Amino acid sequence: MPNKETQPAREPAVRRIPLPGRREAVLGALVAGLFAFIVWSAVASGAVGPDPACSPCHRDSALTGGHEGASCYGCHAGPEPASRAARFALDAAYAARGLPNAQAESAVSNDSCLSCHTSVLTSVVETAGIRMSHRTCVPRAARCTDCHSAVGHGRVRADRAVSMDRCSRCHDGSTAAKECDLCHYGTPTRSDALNSWAVTHGKNRHQTHGMGDAKTCYICHERSDCGECHLPVPHETDWPRLHGGKALDLGLDTCRACHVDELCDGCHKTEMPHPDDWLPRHSGAVPKSEIEVRCRSCHAVGDCRDCHYMHVHPGPGSARPRGTP
């Protein structure tokens, strides 16, 4: 029988104090986790549409056409579930708290488009008299939205058709081939042809050809072609100093081939060129307070002195010093 000296000492009992609200905290965490899982599943599958974080502000951005059943995050967040969930959290914080810097870019990536349009890189698309092989464009770092920015939403710009100006940025004979029959076939209908190129090359092309992108003209036309009708374009560096004499030599109709008369008023602030009766009435035509702006943009101070100082009184009297009787 062990005595008190040999019996091991008994450790004192530890009293556990229950934490207040612990059960509530665990329950709250479970509810939050369940909500997060539901949101994750909905966003990841692209089933949320319209997306709740977008619709409060973008309720007027209705989807149309083949994109009518798509969710916002299906295009604007990317195909990966993680990116959609992260975007949802970011937009939810923006909508709930009004964070000024919470709204990231919402550009549509190529991956978002290709997640649905899976065959676009393996087939040739033919529509409206144009054939297109996307596999030659996408590897060149072209973005789907470079050409297809006017799809998805109903309220878009009027120019929804493929534009020659846009295509010619690559089809310049250097980056990509520029032969017409490479992309064009048949005869497009009038509605198919209503784009910028049809306007600049239509029956009124002599009046409208300058409305296009001048950089794309040189893909088909030589720069010297412009010189048959126009002065050198762009004009020389010192053109503001030379243009008055050129206008008189060549005639105003040469200028009017590109410019409207109101363009002159933007700088000269008065009738240009001056009418025949300008000399006897010019002093009253321009208020003294505007002489600096309206006259001296072209005339030097010496131009006034040639008449007003040297020839105030023609004849012998003009030789007398000012102030003498």
C-alpha atoms as a PDB file:
ATOM      1  CA  MET A   1       0.000   0.000   0.000  1.00  0.00           C
ATOM      2  CA  PRO A   2       1.639   3.216  -1.125  1.00  0.00           C
ATOM      3  CA  ASN A   3       2.045   5.881   1.462  1.00  0.00           C
ATOM      4  CA  LYS A   4       1.585   9.619   1.024  1.00  0.00           C
ATOM      5  CA  GLU A   5       5.252  10.033   0.281  1.00  0.00           C
ATOM      6  CA  THR A   6       5.256   7.605  -2.701  1.00  0.00           C
ATOM      7  CA  GLN A   7       1.741   8.401  -4.156  1.00  0.00           C
ATOM      8  CA  PRO A   8       1.957  10.650  -7.304  1.00  0.00           C
ATOM      9  CA  ALA A   9       0.440  14.124  -7.015  1.00  0.00           C
ATOM     10  CA  ARG A  10      -2.944  14.606  -8.716  1.00  0.00           C
ATOM     11  CA  GLU A  11      -3.151  17.407 -11.291  1.00  0.00           C
ATOM     12  CA  PRO A  12      -5.761  20.058 -10.530  1.00  0.00           C
ATOM     13  CA  ALA A  13      -8.894  19.899 -12.731  1.00  0.00           C
ATOM     14  CA  VAL A  14      -9.108  22.494 -15.498  1.00  0.00           C
ATOM     15  CA  ARG A  15     -12.360  24.384 -15.523  1.00  0.00           C
ATOM     16  CA  ARG A  16     -13.588  25.083 -19.063  1.00  0.00           C
ATOM     17  CA  ILE A  17     -15.450  28.364 -19.394  1.00  0.00           C
ATOM     18  CA  PRO A  18     -18.007  28.302 -22.255  1.00  0.00           C
ATOM     19  CA  LEU A  19     -17.491  31.077 -24.806  1.00  0.00           C
ATOM     20  CA  PRO A  20     -20.573  33.242 -25.172  1.00  0.00           C
ATOM     21  CA  GLY A  21     -22.121  33.136 -28.681  1.00  0.00           C
ATOM     22  CA  ARG A  22     -19.911  30.325 -29.953  1.00  0.00           C
ATOM     23  CA  ARG A  23     -22.875  28.364 -31.277  1.00  0.00           C
ATOM     24  CA  GLU A  24     -24.183  31.460 -33.057  1.00  0.00           C
ATOM     25  CA  ALA A  25     -20.797  32.104 -34.655  1.00  0.00           C
ATOM     26  CA  VAL A  26     -20.593  28.553 -35.979  1.00  0.00           C
ATOM     27  CA  LEU A  27     -24.128  28.764 -37.310  1.00  0.00           C
ATOM     28  CA  GLY A  28     -23.377  32.094 -39.006  1.00  0.00           C
ATOM     29  CA  ALA A  29     -20.271  30.660 -40.638  1.00  0.00           C
ATOM     30  CA  LEU A  30     -22.273  27.719 -41.982  1.00  0.00           C
ATOM     31  CA  VAL A  31     -24.940  30.022 -43.410  1.00  0.00           C
ATOM     32  CA  ALA A  32     -22.313  32.275 -45.005  1.00  0.00           C
ATOM     33  CA  GLY A  33     -20.549  29.266 -46.458  1.00  0.00           C
ATOM     34  CA  LEU A  34     -23.792  27.890 -47.866  1.00  0.00           C
ATOM     35  CA  PHE A  35     -24.623  31.267 -49.439  1.00  0.00           C
ATOM     36  CA  ALA A  36     -21.134  31.517 -50.916  1.00  0.00           C
ATOM     37  CA  PHE A  37     -21.479  28.011 -52.357  1.00  0.00           C
ATOM     38  CA  ILE A  38     -24.824  28.875 -53.951  1.00  0.00           C
ATOM     39  CA  VAL A  39     -23.412  32.070 -55.456  1.00  0.00           C
ATOM     40  CA  TRP A  40     -20.299  30.246 -56.643  1.00  0.00           C
ATOM     41  CA  SER A  41     -22.367  27.520 -58.289  1.00  0.00           C
ATOM     42  CA  ALA A  42     -24.701  29.982 -59.988  1.00  0.00           C
ATOM     43  CA  VAL A  43     -21.942  32.258 -61.238  1.00  0.00           C
ATOM     44  CA  ALA A  44     -19.669  29.396 -62.229  1.00  0.00           C
ATOM     45  CA  SER A  45     -22.381  27.790 -64.312  1.00  0.00           C
ATOM     46  CA  GLY A  46     -23.400  31.100 -65.867  1.00  0.00           C
ATOM     47  CA  ALA A  47     -26.989  30.544 -64.762  1.00  0.00           C
ATOM     48  CA  VAL A  48     -27.462  33.906 -63.104  1.00  0.00           C
ATOM     49  CA  GLY A  49     -29.061  36.161 -65.649  1.00  0.00           C
ATOM     50  CA  PRO A  50     -29.587  38.986 -65.359  1.00  0.00           C
ATOM     51  CA  ASP A  51     -26.812  39.016 -62.794  1.00  0.00           C
ATOM     52  CA  PRO A  52     -27.928  40.651 -59.538  1.00  0.00           C
ATOM     53  CA  ALA A  53     -24.796  42.755 -59.127  1.00  0.00           C
ATOM     54  CA  CYS A  54     -25.189  44.236 -62.635  1.00  0.00           C
ATOM     55  CA  SER A  55     -28.913  44.759 -63.098  1.00  0.00           C
ATOM     56  CA  PRO A  56     -29.397  47.578 -60.536  1.00  0.00           C
ATOM     57  CA  CYS A  57     -27.375  49.939 -62.761  1.00  0.00           C
ATOM     58  CA  HIS A  58     -27.516  48.233 -66.156  1.00  0.00           C
ATOM     59  CA  ARG A  59     -31.220  47.451 -66.285  1.00  0.00           C
ATOM     60  CA  ASP A  60     -31.430  49.142 -69.709  1.00  0.00           C
ATOM     61  CA  SER A  61     -28.651  47.006 -71.212  1.00  0.00           C
ATOM     62  CA  ALA A  62     -30.952  44.299 -72.536  1.00  0.00           C
ATOM     63  CA  LEU A  63     -29.485  41.369 -74.427  1.00  0.00           C
ATOM     64  CA  THR A  64     -30.624  40.628 -77.971  1.00  0.00           C
ATOM     65  CA  GLY A  65     -30.193  37.982 -80.621  1.00  0.00           C
ATOM     66  CA  GLY A  66     -28.216  34.862 -79.852  1.00  0.00           C
ATOM     67  CA  HIS A  67     -26.887  36.387 -76.634  1.00  0.00           C
ATOM     68  CA  GLU A  68     -30.342  36.884 -75.142  1.00  0.00           C
ATOM     69  CA  GLY A  69     -29.995  33.958 -72.727  1.00  0.00           C
ATOM     70  CA  ALA A  70     -26.418  34.677 -71.682  1.00  0.00           C
ATOM     71  CA  SER A  71     -25.415  35.976 -68.280  1.00  0.00           C
ATOM     72  CA  CYS A  72     -23.373  39.134 -67.781  1.00  0.00           C
ATOM     73  CA  TYR A  73     -20.489  37.182 -66.291  1.00  0.00           C
ATOM     74  CA  GLY A  74     -20.571  34.661 -69.098  1.00  0.00           C
ATOM     75  CA  CYS A  75     -19.060  37.353 -71.348  1.00  0.00           C
ATOM     76  CA  HIS A  76     -17.646  40.057 -69.085  1.00  0.00           C
ATOM     77  CA  ALA A  77     -15.889  37.902 -66.475  1.00  0.00           C
ATOM     78  CA  GLY A  78     -14.429  35.050 -68.484  1.00  0.00           C
ATOM     79  CA  PRO A  79     -15.230  31.352 -68.798  1.00  0.00           C
ATOM     80  CA  GLU A  80     -13.351  30.214 -65.660  1.00  0.00           C
ATOM     81  CA  PRO A  81     -15.496  29.713 -62.520  1.00  0.00           C
ATOM     82  CA  ALA A  82     -12.888  31.406 -60.331  1.00  0.00           C
ATOM     83  CA  SER A  83     -12.860  34.576 -62.444  1.00  0.00           C
ATOM     84  CA  ARG A  84     -16.665  34.734 -62.477  1.00  0.00           C
ATOM     85  CA  ALA A  85     -16.879  34.340 -58.707  1.00  0.00           C
ATOM     86  CA  ALA A  86     -14.173  36.967 -58.158  1.00  0.00           C
ATOM     87  CA  ARG A  87     -15.979  39.355 -60.475  1.00  0.00           C
ATOM     88  CA  PHE A  88     -19.255  38.754 -58.665  1.00  0.00           C
ATOM     89  CA  ALA A  89     -17.662  39.548 -55.304  1.00  0.00           C
ATOM     90  CA  LEU A  90     -16.099  42.710 -56.723  1.00  0.00           C
ATOM     91  CA  ASP A  91     -19.329  43.960 -58.276  1.00  0.00           C
ATOM     92  CA  ALA A  92     -21.361  43.025 -55.211  1.00  0.00           C
ATOM     93  CA  ALA A  93     -19.042  45.123 -53.053  1.00  0.00           C
ATOM     94  CA  TYR A  94     -19.367  47.991 -55.507  1.00  0.00           C
ATOM     95  CA  ALA A  95     -23.156  47.795 -55.535  1.00  0.00           C
ATOM     96  CA  ALA A  96     -23.518  47.357 -51.775  1.00  0.00           C
ATOM     97  CA  ARG A  97     -20.985  49.892 -50.518  1.00  0.00           C
ATOM     98  CA  GLY A  98     -20.424  52.203 -53.464  1.00  0.00           C
ATOM     99  CA  LEU A  99     -16.687  51.620 -53.530  1.00  0.00           C
ATOM    100  CA  PRO A 100     -15.262  54.159 -56.022  1.00  0.00           C
ATOM    101  CA  ASN A 101     -12.439  51.911 -57.238  1.00  0.00           C
ATOM    102  CA  ALA A 102     -14.180  48.552 -57.099  1.00  0.00           C
ATOM    103  CA  GLN A 103     -15.350  48.474 -60.715  1.00  0.00           C
ATOM    104  CA  ALA A 104     -12.664  46.817 -62.825  1.00  0.00           C
ATOM    105  CA  GLU A 105     -12.593  46.705 -66.608  1.00  0.00           C
ATOM    106  CA  SER A 106     -15.387  44.661 -68.111  1.00  0.00           C
ATOM    107  CA  ALA A 107     -13.985  44.087 -71.586  1.00  0.00           C
ATOM    108  CA  VAL A 108     -15.015  40.854 -73.271  1.00  0.00           C
ATOM    109  CA  SER A 109     -12.025  38.567 -73.753  1.00  0.00           C
ATOM    110  CA  ASN A 110     -11.461  36.193 -76.658  1.00  0.00           C
ATOM    111  CA  ASP A 111     -11.666  33.270 -74.228  1.00  0.00           C
ATOM    112  CA  SER A 112     -15.190  34.323 -73.272  1.00  0.00           C
ATOM    113  CA  CYS A 113     -16.292  34.350 -76.909  1.00  0.00           C
ATOM    114  CA  LEU A 114     -14.553  31.097 -77.821  1.00  0.00           C
ATOM    115  CA  SER A 115     -16.091  29.277 -74.864  1.00  0.00           C
ATOM    116  CA  CYS A 116     -19.381  29.289 -76.840  1.00  0.00           C
ATOM    117  CA  HIS A 117     -18.260  29.922 -80.421  1.00  0.00           C
ATOM    118  CA  THR A 118     -16.119  26.798 -80.445  1.00  0.00           C
ATOM    119  CA  SER A 119     -16.121  26.185 -84.208  1.00  0.00           C
ATOM    120  CA  VAL A 120     -15.158  29.679 -85.316  1.00  0.00           C
ATOM    121  CA  LEU A 121     -11.436  28.843 -85.523  1.00  0.00           C
ATOM    122  CA  THR A 122     -11.943  25.695 -87.583  1.00  0.00           C
ATOM    123  CA  SER A 123     -14.470  26.890 -90.168  1.00  0.00           C
ATOM    124  CA  VAL A 124     -14.803  29.618 -92.788  1.00  0.00           C
ATOM    125  CA  VAL A 125     -17.701  31.993 -92.183  1.00  0.00           C
ATOM    126  CA  GLU A 126     -19.527  33.289 -95.268  1.00  0.00           C
ATOM    127  CA  THR A 127     -22.145  36.005 -94.888  1.00  0.00           C
ATOM    128  CA  ALA A 128     -23.239  39.186 -96.688  1.00  0.00           C
ATOM    129  CA  GLY A 129     -20.851  38.553 -99.583  1.00  0.00           C
ATOM    130  CA  ILE A 130     -17.806  38.223 -97.331  1.00  0.00           C
ATOM    131  CA  ARG A 131     -15.878  35.097 -96.367  1.00  0.00           C
ATOM    132  CA  MET A 132     -13.824  35.128 -93.204  1.00  0.00           C
ATOM    133  CA  SER A 133     -11.288  32.730 -91.720  1.00  0.00           C
ATOM    134  CA  HIS A 134     -10.880  33.688 -88.074  1.00  0.00           C
ATOM    135  CA  ARG A 135      -7.915  31.410 -87.516  1.00  0.00           C
ATOM    136  CA  THR A 136      -5.773  33.874 -89.474  1.00  0.00           C
ATOM    137  CA  CYS A 137      -6.774  36.802 -87.255  1.00  0.00           C
ATOM    138  CA  VAL A 138      -6.963  35.534 -83.682  1.00  0.00           C
ATOM    139  CA  PRO A 139      -3.343  34.272 -83.572  1.00  0.00           C
ATOM    140  CA  ARG A 140      -2.260  37.792 -84.595  1.00  0.00           C
ATOM    141  CA  ALA A 141      -3.500  39.093 -81.225  1.00  0.00           C
ATOM    142  CA  ALA A 142      -6.696  40.444 -82.775  1.00  0.00           C
ATOM    143  CA  ARG A 143      -9.591  40.767 -80.348  1.00  0.00           C
ATOM    144  CA  CYS A 144     -13.060  39.545 -81.218  1.00  0.00           C
ATOM    145  CA  THR A 145     -14.452  42.907 -80.132  1.00  0.00           C
ATOM    146  CA  ASP A 146     -12.267  44.733 -82.658  1.00  0.00           C
ATOM    147  CA  CYS A 147     -14.833  43.734 -85.276  1.00  0.00           C
ATOM    148  CA  HIS A 148     -17.782  42.488 -83.223  1.00  0.00           C
ATOM    149  CA  SER A 149     -18.216  45.262 -80.677  1.00  0.00           C
ATOM    150  CA  ALA A 150     -21.809  45.896 -81.801  1.00  0.00           C
ATOM    151  CA  VAL A 151     -23.295  42.571 -80.715  1.00  0.00           C
ATOM    152  CA  GLY A 152     -25.079  41.375 -77.626  1.00  0.00           C
ATOM    153  CA  HIS A 153     -26.891  44.518 -76.529  1.00  0.00           C
ATOM    154  CA  GLY A 154     -29.729  46.221 -78.356  1.00  0.00           C
ATOM    155  CA  ARG A 155     -28.612  49.831 -77.922  1.00  0.00           C
ATOM    156  CA  VAL A 156     -25.465  49.936 -80.036  1.00  0.00           C
ATOM    157  CA  ARG A 157     -23.999  52.204 -82.689  1.00  0.00           C
ATOM    158  CA  ALA A 158     -25.582  52.144 -86.137  1.00  0.00           C
ATOM    159  CA  ASP A 159     -22.472  50.831 -87.926  1.00  0.00           C
ATOM    160  CA  ARG A 160     -22.920  47.116 -87.270  1.00  0.00           C
ATOM    161  CA  ALA A 161     -21.649  45.926 -90.647  1.00  0.00           C
ATOM    162  CA  VAL A 162     -18.115  44.876 -91.436  1.00  0.00           C
ATOM    163  CA  SER A 163     -16.179  47.965 -92.475  1.00  0.00           C
ATOM    164  CA  MET A 164     -13.537  48.094 -95.193  1.00  0.00           C
ATOM    165  CA  ASP A 165     -11.718  50.719 -93.178  1.00  0.00           C
ATOM    166  CA  ARG A 166     -11.522  48.314 -90.259  1.00  0.00           C
ATOM    167  CA  CYS A 167     -10.421  45.330 -92.359  1.00  0.00           C
ATOM    168  CA  SER A 168      -7.839  47.368 -94.255  1.00  0.00           C
ATOM    169  CA  ARG A 169      -5.922  48.083 -91.068  1.00  0.00           C
ATOM    170  CA  CYS A 170      -4.542  44.551 -91.442  1.00  0.00           C
ATOM    171  CA  HIS A 171      -5.244  43.753 -95.097  1.00  0.00           C
ATOM    172  CA  ASP A 172      -2.686  46.245 -96.350  1.00  0.00           C
ATOM    173  CA  GLY A 173      -0.574  43.873 -98.415  1.00  0.00           C
ATOM    174  CA  SER A 174       2.018  43.666 -95.654  1.00  0.00           C
ATOM    175  CA  THR A 175       0.339  42.365 -92.506  1.00  0.00           C
ATOM    176  CA  ALA A 176      -2.237  40.432 -94.539  1.00  0.00           C
ATOM    177  CA  ALA A 177      -3.059  39.995 -98.221  1.00  0.00           C
ATOM    178  CA  LYS A 178      -5.115  42.700 -99.923  1.00  0.00           C
ATOM    179  CA  GLU A 179      -6.545  40.877-102.979  1.00  0.00           C
ATOM    180  CA  CYS A 180     -10.278  41.581-103.249  1.00  0.00           C
ATOM    181  CA  ASP A 181     -11.443  38.048-104.091  1.00  0.00           C
ATOM    182  CA  LEU A 182      -9.708  36.650-101.029  1.00  0.00           C
ATOM    183  CA  CYS A 183     -12.605  37.832 -98.854  1.00  0.00           C
ATOM    184  CA  HIS A 184     -15.320  39.046-101.257  1.00  0.00           C
ATOM    185  CA  TYR A 185     -17.624  36.831-103.311  1.00  0.00           C
ATOM    186  CA  GLY A 186     -20.807  37.418-105.272  1.00  0.00           C
ATOM    187  CA  THR A 187     -22.697  40.717-105.283  1.00  0.00           C
ATOM    188  CA  PRO A 188     -23.769  42.018-101.877  1.00  0.00           C
ATOM    189  CA  THR A 189     -27.270  43.375-101.398  1.00  0.00           C
ATOM    190  CA  ARG A 190     -27.877  47.065-100.827  1.00  0.00           C
ATOM    191  CA  SER A 191     -28.268  46.577 -97.069  1.00  0.00           C
ATOM    192  CA  ASP A 192     -25.035  44.584 -96.917  1.00  0.00           C
ATOM    193  CA  ALA A 193     -23.159  47.310 -98.782  1.00  0.00           C
ATOM    194  CA  LEU A 194     -24.280  50.178 -96.552  1.00  0.00           C
ATOM    195  CA  ASN A 195     -20.994  50.774 -94.787  1.00  0.00           C
ATOM    196  CA  SER A 196     -18.346  53.464 -94.913  1.00  0.00           C
ATOM    197  CA  TRP A 197     -16.645  52.063 -98.025  1.00  0.00           C
ATOM    198  CA  ALA A 198     -19.937  52.082 -99.951  1.00  0.00           C
ATOM    199  CA  VAL A 199     -20.410  55.731 -99.030  1.00  0.00           C
ATOM    200  CA  THR A 200     -16.918  56.815-100.079  1.00  0.00           C
ATOM    201  CA  HIS A 201     -17.033  54.781-103.309  1.00  0.00           C
ATOM    202  CA  GLY A 202     -20.684  55.233-104.292  1.00  0.00           C
ATOM    203  CA  LYS A 203     -22.199  57.345-107.030  1.00  0.00           C
ATOM    204  CA  ASN A 204     -21.426  60.530-105.062  1.00  0.00           C
ATOM    205  CA  ARG A 205     -17.830  59.531-104.390  1.00  0.00           C
ATOM    206  CA  HIS A 206     -16.445  62.852-105.659  1.00  0.00           C
ATOM    207  CA  GLN A 207     -18.249  64.570-102.798  1.00  0.00           C
ATOM    208  CA  THR A 208     -17.987  61.823-100.154  1.00  0.00           C
ATOM    209  CA  HIS A 209     -14.623  60.117-100.665  1.00  0.00           C
ATOM    210  CA  GLY A 210     -12.967  62.312 -98.058  1.00  0.00           C
ATOM    211  CA  MET A 211     -15.282  60.980 -95.343  1.00  0.00           C
ATOM    212  CA  GLY A 212     -13.342  57.727 -95.028  1.00  0.00           C
ATOM    213  CA  ASP A 213     -10.134  56.897 -93.208  1.00  0.00           C
ATOM    214  CA  ALA A 214      -7.413  58.436 -95.380  1.00  0.00           C
ATOM    215  CA  LYS A 215      -4.805  55.959 -94.097  1.00  0.00           C
ATOM    216  CA  THR A 216      -6.657  53.085 -95.741  1.00  0.00           C
ATOM    217  CA  CYS A 217      -6.969  54.821 -99.125  1.00  0.00           C
ATOM    218  CA  TYR A 218      -3.303  54.203 -99.931  1.00  0.00           C
ATOM    219  CA  ILE A 219      -3.787  50.435 -99.777  1.00  0.00           C
ATOM    220  CA  CYS A 220      -5.450  50.545-103.208  1.00  0.00           C
ATOM    221  CA  HIS A 221      -4.683  54.064-104.445  1.00  0.00           C
ATOM    222  CA  GLU A 222      -1.378  55.786-105.110  1.00  0.00           C
ATOM    223  CA  ARG A 223      -0.710  58.995-103.220  1.00  0.00           C
ATOM    224  CA  SER A 224      -0.202  60.743-106.537  1.00  0.00           C
ATOM    225  CA  ASP A 225      -3.841  60.014-107.430  1.00  0.00           C
ATOM    226  CA  CYS A 226      -4.950  62.678-104.961  1.00  0.00           C
ATOM    227  CA  GLY A 227      -2.813  65.289-106.695  1.00  0.00           C
ATOM    228  CA  GLU A 228      -4.935  65.087-109.827  1.00  0.00           C
ATOM    229  CA  CYS A 229      -7.635  67.076-108.031  1.00  0.00           C
ATOM    230  CA  HIS A 230      -6.173  68.205-104.730  1.00  0.00           C
ATOM    231  CA  LEU A 231      -3.286  70.270-103.530  1.00  0.00           C
ATOM    232  CA  PRO A 232      -0.639  68.219-101.724  1.00  0.00           C
ATOM    233  CA  VAL A 233      -2.271  66.551 -98.725  1.00  0.00           C
ATOM    234  CA  PRO A 234      -1.396  67.054 -95.989  1.00  0.00           C
ATOM    235  CA  HIS A 235      -0.435  70.665 -96.717  1.00  0.00           C
ATOM    236  CA  GLU A 236       3.086  71.933 -96.152  1.00  0.00           C
ATOM    237  CA  THR A 237       4.240  72.833 -92.651  1.00  0.00           C
ATOM    238  CA  ASP A 238       4.081  76.584 -93.324  1.00  0.00           C
ATOM    239  CA  TRP A 239       0.710  76.331 -95.060  1.00  0.00           C
ATOM    240  CA  PRO A 240      -0.998  78.975 -92.855  1.00  0.00           C
ATOM    241  CA  ARG A 241       1.418  81.545 -94.265  1.00  0.00           C
ATOM    242  CA  LEU A 242       1.095  80.362 -97.873  1.00  0.00           C
ATOM    243  CA  HIS A 243      -2.553  79.443 -98.203  1.00  0.00           C
ATOM    244  CA  GLY A 244      -3.869  82.944 -98.952  1.00  0.00           C
ATOM    245  CA  GLY A 245      -1.709  83.357-102.038  1.00  0.00           C
ATOM    246  CA  LYS A 246      -2.404  79.783-103.156  1.00  0.00           C
ATOM    247  CA  ALA A 247      -6.136  80.367-102.843  1.00  0.00           C
ATOM    248  CA  LEU A 248      -5.915  83.447-105.064  1.00  0.00           C
ATOM    249  CA  ASP A 249      -3.728  81.689-107.638  1.00  0.00           C
ATOM    250  CA  LEU A 250      -5.734  78.456-107.873  1.00  0.00           C
ATOM    251  CA  GLY A 251      -9.191  79.825-107.155  1.00  0.00           C
ATOM    252  CA  LEU A 252     -11.453  79.169-104.196  1.00  0.00           C
ATOM    253  CA  ASP A 253     -13.129  76.238-105.913  1.00  0.00           C
ATOM    254  CA  THR A 254      -9.904  74.295-105.394  1.00  0.00           C
ATOM    255  CA  CYS A 255     -10.203  74.876-101.652  1.00  0.00           C
ATOM    256  CA  ARG A 256     -13.912  74.132-101.628  1.00  0.00           C
ATOM    257  CA  ALA A 257     -13.287  70.654-102.980  1.00  0.00           C
ATOM    258  CA  CYS A 258     -12.482  69.755 -99.353  1.00  0.00           C
ATOM    259  CA  HIS A 259     -13.304  72.756 -97.187  1.00  0.00           C
ATOM    260  CA  VAL A 260     -16.478  74.696 -96.520  1.00  0.00           C
ATOM    261  CA  ASP A 261     -16.468  78.493 -96.431  1.00  0.00           C
ATOM    262  CA  GLU A 262     -17.132  78.514 -92.688  1.00  0.00           C
ATOM    263  CA  LEU A 263     -13.682  77.026 -92.123  1.00  0.00           C
ATOM    264  CA  CYS A 264     -12.124  80.352 -93.114  1.00  0.00           C
ATOM    265  CA  ASP A 265     -14.239  82.178 -90.550  1.00  0.00           C
ATOM    266  CA  GLY A 266     -12.783  80.045 -87.778  1.00  0.00           C
ATOM    267  CA  CYS A 267      -9.455  81.889 -88.065  1.00  0.00           C
ATOM    268  CA  HIS A 268     -10.181  85.048 -90.014  1.00  0.00           C
ATOM    269  CA  LYS A 269     -13.370  85.999 -88.161  1.00  0.00           C
ATOM    270  CA  THR A 270     -14.481  88.013 -91.198  1.00  0.00           C
ATOM    271  CA  GLU A 271     -15.341  87.649 -94.891  1.00  0.00           C
ATOM    272  CA  MET A 272     -12.618  85.821 -96.783  1.00  0.00           C
ATOM    273  CA  PRO A 273     -11.406  86.622 -99.276  1.00  0.00           C
ATOM    274  CA  HIS A 274     -12.331  90.235 -98.728  1.00  0.00           C
ATOM    275  CA  PRO A 275     -14.990  91.512-101.165  1.00  0.00           C
ATOM    276  CA  ASP A 276     -14.192  94.173-103.760  1.00  0.00           C
ATOM    277  CA  ASP A 277     -15.639  96.995-101.655  1.00  0.00           C
ATOM    278  CA  TRP A 278     -13.706  95.965 -98.542  1.00  0.00           C
ATOM    279  CA  LEU A 279     -11.105  98.758 -98.615  1.00  0.00           C
ATOM    280  CA  PRO A 280     -13.464 101.741 -98.255  1.00  0.00           C
ATOM    281  CA  ARG A 281     -15.565 100.082 -95.545  1.00  0.00           C
ATOM    282  CA  HIS A 282     -13.082  97.934 -93.631  1.00  0.00           C
ATOM    283  CA  SER A 283     -12.595 100.401 -90.775  1.00  0.00           C
ATOM    284  CA  GLY A 284     -16.243 100.136 -89.804  1.00  0.00           C
ATOM    285  CA  ALA A 285     -16.550  96.411 -90.457  1.00  0.00           C
ATOM    286  CA  VAL A 286     -14.246  95.399 -87.596  1.00  0.00           C
ATOM    287  CA  PRO A 287     -14.696  96.838 -84.087  1.00  0.00           C
ATOM    288  CA  LYS A 288     -11.496  98.292 -82.637  1.00  0.00           C
ATOM    289  CA  SER A 289     -11.642  95.829 -79.751  1.00  0.00           C
ATOM    290  CA  GLU A 290     -11.394  92.918 -82.221  1.00  0.00           C
ATOM    291  CA  ILE A 291      -8.654  94.243 -84.506  1.00  0.00           C
ATOM    292  CA  GLU A 292      -5.983  92.252 -82.672  1.00  0.00           C
ATOM    293  CA  VAL A 293      -7.813  88.974 -83.259  1.00  0.00           C
ATOM    294  CA  ARG A 294      -9.516  89.491 -86.583  1.00  0.00           C
ATOM    295  CA  CYS A 295      -6.981  91.555 -88.511  1.00  0.00           C
ATOM    296  CA  ARG A 296      -3.562  90.768 -87.099  1.00  0.00           C
ATOM    297  CA  SER A 297      -3.921  87.045 -87.566  1.00  0.00           C
ATOM    298  CA  CYS A 298      -2.933  87.833 -91.182  1.00  0.00           C
ATOM    299  CA  HIS A 299      -1.805  91.449 -91.313  1.00  0.00           C
ATOM    300  CA  ALA A 300       1.231  93.033 -89.680  1.00  0.00           C
ATOM    301  CA  VAL A 301       1.048  96.446 -88.041  1.00  0.00           C
ATOM    302  CA  GLY A 302       2.997  97.833 -90.982  1.00  0.00           C
ATOM    303  CA  ASP A 303       0.129  97.023 -93.324  1.00  0.00           C
ATOM    304  CA  CYS A 304      -2.037  99.611 -91.553  1.00  0.00           C
ATOM    305  CA  ARG A 305       0.727 102.213 -91.587  1.00  0.00           C
ATOM    306  CA  ASP A 306       1.162 101.913 -95.337  1.00  0.00           C
ATOM    307  CA  CYS A 307      -2.168 103.671 -95.779  1.00  0.00           C
ATOM    308  CA  HIS A 308      -3.098 105.301 -92.493  1.00  0.00           C
ATOM    309  CA  TYR A 309       0.255 106.932 -91.754  1.00  0.00           C
ATOM    310  CA  MET A 310       2.034 107.418 -95.050  1.00  0.00           C
ATOM    311  CA  HIS A 311      -0.976 108.428 -97.161  1.00  0.00           C
ATOM    312  CA  VAL A 312      -3.502 110.023 -94.865  1.00  0.00           C
ATOM    313  CA  HIS A 313      -3.737 113.125 -97.077  1.00  0.00           C
ATOM    314  CA  PRO A 314      -2.419 112.409-100.571  1.00  0.00           C
ATOM    315  CA  GLY A 315      -0.525 115.271-102.113  1.00  0.00           C
ATOM    316  CA  PRO A 316       1.965 117.827-100.804  1.00  0.00           C
ATOM    317  CA  GLY A 317       0.249 118.006 -97.438  1.00  0.00           C
ATOM    318  CA  SER A 318       1.118 114.428 -96.649  1.00  0.00           C
ATOM    319  CA  ALA A 319       4.787 115.319 -96.419  1.00  0.00           C
ATOM    320  CA  ARG A 320       4.239 117.674 -93.497  1.00  0.00           C
ATOM    321  CA  PRO A 321       5.025 116.328 -90.028  1.00  0.00           C
ATOM    322  CA  ARG A 322       2.058 115.289 -87.927  1.00  0.00           C
ATOM    323  CA  GLY A 323       0.630 118.054 -85.766  1.00  0.00           C
ATOM    324  CA  THR A 324       1.667 120.938 -88.030  1.00  0.00           C
ATOM    325  CA  PRO A 325      -1.046 123.233 -89.465  1.00  0.00           C
END
